[in-house]
Protein backbone atom coordinates (compact mmCIF):
# COMPACT_ATOMS: atom_id res chain seq x y z
CA MET A 1 -45.15 -38.63 -72.71
CA PRO A 2 -43.31 -37.40 -69.58
CA LYS A 3 -41.34 -39.94 -67.61
CA ALA A 4 -42.93 -41.11 -64.35
CA PRO A 5 -41.20 -39.33 -61.45
CA LEU A 6 -40.16 -42.58 -59.74
CA ALA A 7 -39.60 -44.74 -62.82
CA GLY A 8 -37.47 -47.74 -61.88
CA ALA A 9 -37.29 -46.95 -58.16
CA ARG A 10 -37.84 -49.70 -55.60
CA VAL A 11 -39.45 -48.39 -52.42
CA LEU A 12 -39.79 -50.26 -49.13
CA ILE A 13 -42.88 -49.56 -47.00
CA THR A 14 -42.68 -50.61 -43.36
CA ARG A 15 -46.42 -50.84 -42.68
CA SER A 16 -48.86 -53.73 -42.85
CA PRO A 17 -50.59 -54.42 -46.19
CA GLU A 18 -54.01 -53.30 -44.98
CA ARG A 19 -52.57 -49.87 -44.14
CA SER A 20 -50.52 -49.49 -47.31
CA LEU A 21 -52.81 -50.03 -50.30
CA PRO A 22 -53.35 -46.36 -51.28
CA LEU A 23 -49.62 -45.67 -50.97
CA VAL A 24 -48.76 -48.79 -53.00
CA GLU A 25 -51.09 -47.60 -55.75
CA ALA A 26 -49.66 -44.07 -55.71
CA LEU A 27 -46.10 -45.40 -55.96
CA ARG A 28 -47.10 -47.69 -58.82
CA LYS A 29 -48.64 -44.79 -60.73
CA ALA A 30 -45.41 -42.84 -60.21
CA GLY A 31 -43.43 -45.69 -61.77
CA ALA A 32 -42.02 -47.30 -58.62
CA ASP A 33 -42.07 -50.89 -57.43
CA ALA A 34 -43.56 -51.16 -53.93
CA LEU A 35 -42.07 -53.61 -51.46
CA LEU A 36 -43.74 -54.24 -48.11
CA LEU A 37 -41.98 -55.20 -44.89
CA PRO A 38 -44.34 -54.83 -41.92
CA LEU A 39 -42.25 -54.10 -38.83
CA ILE A 40 -44.78 -53.31 -36.12
CA ASP A 41 -48.24 -54.54 -35.30
CA PHE A 42 -50.93 -53.85 -32.72
CA GLU A 43 -52.60 -55.94 -30.06
CA ARG A 44 -55.54 -55.27 -27.80
CA ALA A 45 -54.63 -53.58 -24.53
CA PRO A 46 -53.94 -56.16 -21.80
CA ASP A 47 -56.08 -54.20 -19.31
CA GLN A 48 -59.43 -54.16 -21.05
CA HIS A 49 -61.25 -53.39 -17.79
CA SER A 50 -59.55 -50.00 -17.35
CA LEU A 51 -60.17 -49.18 -21.01
CA ASP A 52 -63.84 -50.13 -20.73
CA VAL A 53 -64.28 -48.05 -17.56
CA ALA A 54 -62.76 -45.02 -19.33
CA CYS A 55 -64.87 -45.60 -22.45
CA ASP A 56 -68.09 -45.90 -20.43
CA ALA A 57 -67.23 -42.68 -18.59
CA LEU A 58 -66.67 -41.03 -21.99
CA ALA A 59 -70.09 -42.17 -23.20
CA ALA A 60 -71.67 -40.90 -19.98
CA GLY A 61 -70.33 -37.39 -20.61
CA ALA A 62 -67.63 -37.40 -17.94
CA PHE A 63 -65.02 -35.72 -20.18
CA ASP A 64 -64.84 -32.28 -21.75
CA TRP A 65 -62.22 -33.41 -24.28
CA LEU A 66 -61.26 -36.62 -26.05
CA VAL A 67 -57.70 -36.42 -27.39
CA VAL A 68 -56.91 -38.88 -30.19
CA SER A 69 -53.31 -39.09 -31.33
CA SER A 70 -53.36 -42.01 -33.80
CA ALA A 71 -55.56 -43.68 -36.37
CA THR A 72 -55.14 -46.94 -34.45
CA THR A 73 -56.84 -45.33 -31.45
CA VAL A 74 -59.79 -44.43 -33.68
CA HIS A 75 -60.13 -48.09 -34.66
CA VAL A 76 -60.07 -49.10 -30.99
CA LEU A 77 -62.74 -46.55 -30.04
CA ALA A 78 -64.93 -47.53 -33.00
CA ALA A 79 -64.69 -51.17 -31.92
CA LYS A 80 -65.67 -50.24 -28.35
CA ALA A 81 -68.67 -48.31 -29.66
CA ALA A 82 -69.66 -51.27 -31.86
CA GLU A 83 -69.48 -53.60 -28.83
CA ARG A 84 -72.17 -51.39 -27.31
CA GLY A 85 -74.27 -51.41 -30.46
CA LEU A 86 -73.51 -47.83 -31.47
CA ALA A 87 -71.68 -45.96 -34.19
CA LEU A 88 -68.73 -43.94 -32.91
CA ALA A 89 -70.40 -40.59 -33.71
CA ARG A 90 -73.47 -41.49 -31.66
CA TRP A 91 -71.45 -43.00 -28.81
CA ILE A 92 -69.35 -39.88 -28.11
CA PRO A 93 -71.53 -37.19 -26.46
CA ALA A 94 -72.11 -34.09 -28.56
CA ALA A 95 -70.77 -31.89 -25.74
CA THR A 96 -67.40 -33.68 -25.73
CA ARG A 97 -64.92 -31.86 -27.94
CA ILE A 98 -62.45 -33.89 -30.00
CA ALA A 99 -58.78 -33.04 -30.51
CA ALA A 100 -56.72 -34.97 -33.07
CA VAL A 101 -53.05 -35.30 -33.93
CA GLY A 102 -52.25 -36.27 -37.50
CA ALA A 103 -54.07 -35.89 -40.80
CA ALA A 104 -54.83 -39.62 -40.97
CA THR A 105 -56.34 -39.52 -37.48
CA ARG A 106 -58.53 -36.58 -38.38
CA ARG A 107 -59.66 -38.11 -41.68
CA LEU A 108 -60.63 -41.36 -39.99
CA LEU A 109 -62.56 -39.58 -37.23
CA GLU A 110 -64.44 -37.53 -39.81
CA ALA A 111 -65.12 -40.67 -41.86
CA HIS A 112 -66.88 -42.00 -38.75
CA GLY A 113 -68.94 -38.80 -38.59
CA VAL A 114 -67.01 -37.35 -35.65
CA ALA A 115 -66.31 -33.61 -35.84
CA VAL A 116 -62.79 -32.55 -34.85
CA ALA A 117 -62.74 -29.34 -32.83
CA LEU A 118 -58.98 -28.91 -32.49
CA ALA A 119 -55.95 -30.10 -34.47
CA PRO A 120 -52.51 -28.63 -35.15
CA GLU A 121 -52.10 -27.26 -38.64
CA GLU A 122 -48.40 -27.76 -39.22
CA ASP A 123 -46.58 -29.75 -36.52
CA GLN A 124 -48.45 -33.05 -36.38
CA SER A 125 -47.12 -34.14 -33.00
CA ALA A 126 -47.76 -33.86 -29.29
CA ALA A 127 -45.86 -30.58 -29.30
CA GLY A 128 -48.01 -29.31 -32.16
CA LEU A 129 -51.23 -30.05 -30.30
CA LEU A 130 -49.94 -28.54 -27.07
CA SER A 131 -49.04 -25.35 -28.95
CA VAL A 132 -52.72 -24.79 -29.83
CA TRP A 133 -54.27 -26.29 -26.69
CA PRO A 134 -56.51 -23.88 -24.72
CA ASP A 135 -55.64 -23.09 -21.13
CA GLY A 136 -57.48 -25.25 -18.66
CA GLY A 137 -59.22 -27.78 -20.83
CA GLY A 138 -61.32 -29.38 -18.11
CA LYS A 139 -61.47 -33.16 -17.94
CA VAL A 140 -59.52 -34.90 -20.70
CA LEU A 141 -59.54 -38.52 -21.83
CA LEU A 142 -56.31 -39.58 -23.54
CA PRO A 143 -56.40 -43.15 -24.92
CA GLN A 144 -53.06 -44.04 -26.47
CA ALA A 145 -50.47 -46.71 -27.20
CA ASP A 146 -48.67 -48.47 -24.39
CA ILE A 147 -45.36 -46.98 -25.58
CA ALA A 148 -46.63 -43.42 -25.99
CA PRO A 149 -44.19 -40.93 -24.46
CA PRO A 150 -45.53 -39.02 -21.44
CA ARG A 151 -45.08 -35.61 -23.08
CA LEU A 152 -48.67 -35.19 -24.26
CA ALA A 153 -50.27 -36.23 -20.97
CA GLU A 154 -47.84 -34.07 -19.00
CA GLY A 155 -48.38 -31.10 -21.30
CA LEU A 156 -52.16 -31.32 -21.06
CA SER A 157 -51.91 -31.54 -17.28
CA GLY A 158 -49.49 -28.61 -17.24
CA ALA A 159 -52.02 -26.54 -19.17
CA GLY A 160 -54.56 -27.12 -16.43
CA GLY A 161 -56.38 -30.19 -17.69
CA SER A 162 -57.44 -33.10 -15.51
CA VAL A 163 -56.09 -35.94 -17.65
CA THR A 164 -57.12 -39.58 -17.63
CA ALA A 165 -54.57 -41.48 -19.72
CA VAL A 166 -55.45 -45.07 -20.57
CA THR A 167 -53.74 -47.69 -22.72
CA ALA A 168 -55.86 -48.28 -25.82
CA TYR A 169 -53.58 -50.78 -27.56
CA ARG A 170 -50.18 -52.43 -27.39
CA THR A 171 -47.45 -51.97 -30.00
CA VAL A 172 -45.51 -55.16 -30.81
CA ASP A 173 -43.14 -56.49 -33.45
CA TYR A 174 -44.90 -57.81 -36.54
CA PRO A 175 -46.81 -60.10 -36.56
CA ALA A 176 -48.98 -59.78 -33.47
CA ALA A 177 -50.34 -62.91 -31.84
CA ALA A 178 -53.43 -63.90 -33.82
CA GLU A 179 -55.62 -64.16 -30.74
CA ARG A 180 -54.69 -60.65 -29.56
CA ARG A 181 -54.21 -58.79 -32.85
CA LEU A 182 -56.33 -55.71 -33.44
CA ALA A 183 -58.74 -56.13 -36.30
CA ILE A 184 -58.00 -53.09 -38.48
CA PRO A 185 -59.98 -52.65 -41.70
CA ALA A 186 -57.99 -52.49 -44.90
CA GLU A 187 -57.64 -49.05 -46.46
CA ASP A 188 -59.08 -48.82 -49.95
CA GLY A 189 -56.65 -48.71 -52.86
CA ALA A 190 -57.10 -46.33 -55.74
CA GLY A 191 -56.96 -48.76 -58.65
CA GLU A 192 -59.64 -49.63 -61.19
CA GLY A 193 -61.21 -52.43 -59.18
CA GLN A 194 -57.97 -54.41 -58.89
CA PRO A 195 -55.88 -54.56 -55.71
CA PRO A 196 -52.52 -52.85 -56.22
CA SER A 197 -49.59 -55.23 -56.63
CA TYR A 198 -46.68 -55.35 -54.22
CA ALA A 199 -43.99 -57.71 -52.97
CA LEU A 200 -44.25 -58.78 -49.33
CA LEU A 201 -40.74 -59.29 -47.98
CA THR A 202 -39.42 -61.21 -45.01
CA PRO A 203 -36.75 -59.55 -42.84
CA ALA A 204 -34.12 -61.88 -44.32
CA THR A 205 -35.10 -60.99 -47.89
CA ALA A 206 -35.19 -57.28 -47.06
CA ALA A 207 -31.73 -57.51 -45.49
CA ALA A 208 -30.34 -59.14 -48.63
CA GLU A 209 -31.98 -56.56 -50.90
CA LEU A 210 -30.65 -53.67 -48.81
CA ALA A 211 -27.16 -55.15 -48.64
CA ALA A 212 -27.14 -55.50 -52.42
CA GLY A 213 -28.26 -51.90 -52.88
CA ARG A 214 -31.47 -52.93 -54.63
CA ILE A 215 -33.81 -50.80 -52.51
CA ASP A 216 -33.71 -47.08 -53.22
CA ALA A 217 -35.87 -45.64 -50.43
CA VAL A 218 -37.62 -46.78 -47.28
CA ILE A 219 -40.69 -45.11 -45.78
CA ALA A 220 -41.15 -45.17 -42.00
CA ALA A 221 -44.44 -43.97 -40.51
CA SER A 222 -43.65 -44.02 -36.81
CA PRO A 223 -40.81 -43.81 -34.28
CA SER A 224 -41.37 -47.53 -33.60
CA ALA A 225 -40.73 -48.36 -37.26
CA ALA A 226 -37.56 -46.24 -37.22
CA ARG A 227 -36.31 -48.10 -34.16
CA ARG A 228 -37.01 -51.49 -35.73
CA LEU A 229 -35.25 -50.51 -38.95
CA HIS A 230 -32.23 -49.43 -36.96
CA GLU A 231 -32.23 -52.69 -34.99
CA LEU A 232 -32.58 -54.94 -38.02
CA PHE A 233 -30.68 -53.46 -40.95
CA PRO A 234 -27.87 -51.19 -42.07
CA LEU A 235 -29.59 -49.10 -44.73
CA GLY A 236 -26.51 -48.49 -46.87
CA ARG A 237 -27.38 -46.27 -49.85
CA CYS A 238 -31.12 -46.59 -49.22
CA ARG A 239 -32.73 -43.21 -48.52
CA PHE A 240 -34.82 -42.87 -45.35
CA VAL A 241 -38.14 -41.03 -45.80
CA ALA A 242 -40.03 -40.10 -42.62
CA ILE A 243 -43.69 -39.44 -42.00
CA GLY A 244 -43.96 -36.71 -39.39
CA ARG A 245 -41.70 -34.92 -36.97
CA PRO A 246 -41.72 -37.65 -34.24
CA THR A 247 -40.42 -40.23 -36.73
CA THR A 248 -37.83 -37.77 -38.00
CA ASP A 249 -36.63 -36.98 -34.48
CA GLN A 250 -36.35 -40.66 -33.59
CA ALA A 251 -34.40 -41.44 -36.76
CA SER A 252 -32.02 -38.55 -36.10
CA ALA A 253 -31.51 -39.71 -32.51
CA LEU A 254 -30.56 -43.15 -33.84
CA GLY A 255 -28.12 -41.72 -36.36
CA LEU A 256 -30.26 -42.53 -39.39
CA PRO A 257 -29.87 -39.79 -42.01
CA VAL A 258 -33.30 -38.51 -43.04
CA ALA A 259 -33.35 -37.81 -46.77
CA ALA A 260 -36.86 -36.34 -46.85
CA ILE A 261 -39.85 -35.65 -44.62
CA ALA A 262 -43.33 -35.93 -46.08
CA ALA A 263 -44.97 -32.50 -45.97
CA ARG A 264 -48.31 -34.29 -45.78
CA PRO A 265 -48.85 -37.93 -44.74
CA THR A 266 -50.92 -38.69 -47.83
CA PRO A 267 -50.00 -41.00 -50.73
CA ALA A 268 -49.30 -37.97 -52.94
CA GLY A 269 -47.25 -36.34 -50.20
CA LEU A 270 -45.19 -39.49 -49.72
CA VAL A 271 -44.57 -39.93 -53.43
CA ALA A 272 -43.30 -36.33 -53.51
CA ALA A 273 -41.06 -37.00 -50.49
CA VAL A 274 -39.56 -40.11 -52.09
CA ALA A 275 -38.94 -38.15 -55.28
CA ALA A 276 -37.21 -35.43 -53.27
CA ALA A 277 -35.08 -38.02 -51.46
CA LEU A 278 -33.95 -39.53 -54.78
CA GLN A 279 -33.53 -36.19 -56.59
CA PRO A 280 -29.68 -36.11 -56.49
CA GLU A 281 -29.47 -39.41 -58.36
CA GLN A 282 -32.16 -38.38 -60.83
CA GLU A 283 -30.52 -35.02 -61.55
CA ALA A 284 -27.20 -36.78 -62.14
CA GLY A 285 -28.83 -38.95 -64.77
CA LYS A 286 -28.35 -42.13 -62.76
CA PRO A 287 -31.03 -44.73 -62.07
CA PRO A 288 -32.72 -43.92 -58.72
């Protein structure tokens, strides 16, 4: 029986448990132990009035395009639709075209029954979307995180669009305040009816494990997670695996060596990226 590709590896995931279950299961099946250290969390936007005004204008057909750049934004929009007694697919007018950045964003939109008209194929970033954006674009609604860089809004405007950018949610250090935390449904795991097992670490425990060299790889899914890792810990021999070009660029800017970039932000793609990051040790016959 062939050896599991990550047998004996200990992999740190920097996302919340509800967003990590499929990845935890995929790592387990590959032979790895999954450790969770949530670093960032999400709160409702402080200015709900401006968000509601933009959402009501969207529902009234005021926008030619809705640009969605994160799965978290999809959750926010679905919650706004539910507040109005509608499913997301029925709330967004059929004439409004949807653009998405990121495979997870697209999958979640389609799971809600929303057709995606435009998405970059390779570069899953603001730059990737701008490279395929049509000239003009008409009126564009861009709901996004409070810390979103201005590049996407500026690029859409530069291409001739009339852009309304609105804060959909706030990014904070984990954990968010309970009274303001976004309610995000847990992603389904892939086990046989049992939730996948993982260890939930505190920052102090993670620091001790990293210092002792007992964590082989860490997966960061966002520039915010890369920044928090850099602030909190020296990674030592631990290999940094990035999801997406923006996370990779942020890690490089911080001086964090990127051992591997996931070709696709799926559990299988991340398992392959971790395996690639640990390949030198495995080829040398050492434990990962």
